Amino acid sequence: MLPPSVARSAQDDTDIHIAGLIVHASRTELAAVRSYIALLPKAIVHAADADGRMVVTLETDSSQRALDCIDALRALPGVLNVALVYQHAEPAAAMDEEVE
C-alpha cells in the first residue's frame, strides 16, 4: 500500500466529472432502463416517475466517459430522450479540501 502522500499525488491528475441527466423512457421499458443504469459505475437514479422520467447523476473520470454513458443510455430500447442538464468537473484532490 502506498503512503497517503504518494497515493494522493497519483490522484492529483485525475478529474471527477459529475453529470446531471433527465432520462425519459417509455413506461413499458422503465424497469429495464433503471436496471441498466444501476449497472453503470457511480450512476444513481435519484427520482423516477411512473411516466418514465428519471433524474440521474453520473460520476466519471472524464467528460468523454460521461458522453459515452449518455450515448449508451440513448441507444437503449425504450429510451425516448436523455438530456444533460448539469455538468461539473474538478480535480479529484479538490474533493479532499475542506469547504468553509
Protein backbone atom coordinates (compact mmCIF):
# COMPACT_ATOMS: atom_id res chain seq x y z
CA MET A 1 0.00 0.00 0.00
CA LEU A 2 1.26 3.46 -0.91
CA PRO A 3 1.71 6.11 1.75
CA PRO A 4 -1.15 8.66 1.65
CA SER A 5 1.06 11.42 0.24
CA VAL A 6 2.14 9.23 -2.69
CA ALA A 7 -1.37 7.91 -3.29
CA ARG A 8 -2.75 11.44 -3.23
CA SER A 9 -0.15 12.76 -5.68
CA ALA A 10 -1.09 9.96 -8.06
CA GLN A 11 -4.71 11.15 -7.86
CA ASP A 12 -3.83 14.80 -8.46
CA ASP A 13 -4.00 14.31 -12.22
CA THR A 14 -7.40 12.65 -12.00
CA ASP A 15 -10.53 14.67 -12.58
CA ILE A 16 -14.01 13.94 -11.35
CA HIS A 17 -16.83 14.72 -13.77
CA ILE A 18 -20.39 14.89 -12.49
CA ALA A 19 -23.26 14.97 -14.96
CA GLY A 20 -26.92 15.52 -14.12
CA LEU A 21 -29.37 13.99 -16.56
CA ILE A 22 -33.07 13.75 -17.22
CA VAL A 23 -33.72 10.34 -18.77
CA HIS A 24 -37.15 9.74 -20.30
CA ALA A 25 -38.05 6.13 -21.01
CA SER A 26 -41.28 4.54 -22.15
CA ARG A 27 -43.40 3.26 -19.31
CA THR A 28 -43.10 -0.32 -20.55
CA GLU A 29 -39.27 -0.18 -20.54
CA LEU A 30 -38.79 1.88 -17.35
CA ALA A 31 -37.75 -1.07 -15.17
CA ALA A 32 -35.26 -2.33 -17.76
CA VAL A 33 -33.72 1.12 -18.20
CA ARG A 34 -33.41 1.57 -14.42
CA SER A 35 -31.71 -1.85 -14.21
CA TYR A 36 -29.21 -0.81 -16.87
CA ILE A 37 -28.45 2.47 -15.10
CA ALA A 38 -27.81 0.51 -11.89
CA LEU A 39 -25.05 -1.37 -13.75
CA LEU A 40 -23.16 1.83 -14.58
CA PRO A 41 -20.44 2.56 -12.01
CA LYS A 42 -21.29 5.60 -9.88
CA ALA A 43 -24.63 6.20 -11.60
CA ILE A 44 -27.59 6.99 -9.36
CA VAL A 45 -31.30 7.33 -10.11
CA HIS A 46 -32.37 9.99 -7.62
CA ALA A 47 -36.03 10.15 -8.64
CA ALA A 48 -38.31 8.35 -11.05
CA ASP A 49 -41.89 8.86 -12.07
CA ALA A 50 -44.30 6.24 -13.35
CA ASP A 51 -44.49 8.17 -16.65
CA GLY A 52 -40.83 7.23 -17.33
CA ARG A 53 -38.96 10.38 -16.31
CA MET A 54 -35.87 9.91 -14.15
CA VAL A 55 -33.33 12.22 -12.55
CA VAL A 56 -29.90 10.59 -12.84
CA THR A 57 -26.36 11.56 -11.91
CA LEU A 58 -23.20 10.08 -13.37
CA GLU A 59 -19.74 10.37 -11.88
CA THR A 60 -16.93 9.61 -14.31
CA ASP A 61 -13.21 10.30 -14.72
CA SER A 62 -13.55 12.28 -17.96
CA SER A 63 -16.07 14.22 -19.99
CA GLN A 64 -15.63 11.69 -22.80
CA ARG A 65 -16.61 8.85 -20.47
CA ALA A 66 -19.71 10.81 -19.41
CA LEU A 67 -20.64 11.34 -23.07
CA ASP A 68 -20.09 7.64 -23.76
CA CYS A 69 -22.52 6.77 -20.93
CA ILE A 70 -25.07 9.26 -22.26
CA ASP A 71 -24.78 7.79 -25.76
CA ALA A 72 -25.20 4.27 -24.33
CA LEU A 73 -28.34 5.38 -22.48
CA ARG A 74 -29.76 6.99 -25.63
CA ALA A 75 -29.22 3.73 -27.53
CA LEU A 76 -31.22 1.61 -25.07
CA PRO A 77 -34.56 0.23 -26.24
CA GLY A 78 -37.36 2.31 -24.79
CA VAL A 79 -35.29 5.43 -24.07
CA LEU A 80 -37.07 8.40 -25.58
CA ASN A 81 -34.60 11.11 -24.61
CA VAL A 82 -31.56 11.84 -22.46
CA ALA A 83 -30.94 15.48 -21.60
CA LEU A 84 -27.75 16.74 -19.97
CA VAL A 85 -28.88 19.43 -17.54
CA TYR A 86 -25.74 19.85 -15.40
CA GLN A 87 -22.04 19.13 -15.77
CA HIS A 88 -19.20 19.85 -13.35
CA ALA A 89 -15.54 18.83 -13.32
CA GLU A 90 -12.76 19.34 -10.81
CA PRO A 91 -9.54 17.64 -9.78
CA ALA A 92 -10.07 14.65 -7.51
CA ALA A 93 -7.69 16.20 -4.97
CA ALA A 94 -10.09 19.14 -4.56
CA MET A 95 -12.66 16.73 -3.15
CA ASP A 96 -10.42 16.33 -0.09
CA GLU A 97 -10.33 20.06 0.60
CA GLU A 98 -12.48 21.36 3.42
CA VAL A 99 -15.26 23.78 2.45
CA GLU A 100 -15.58 26.86 4.64
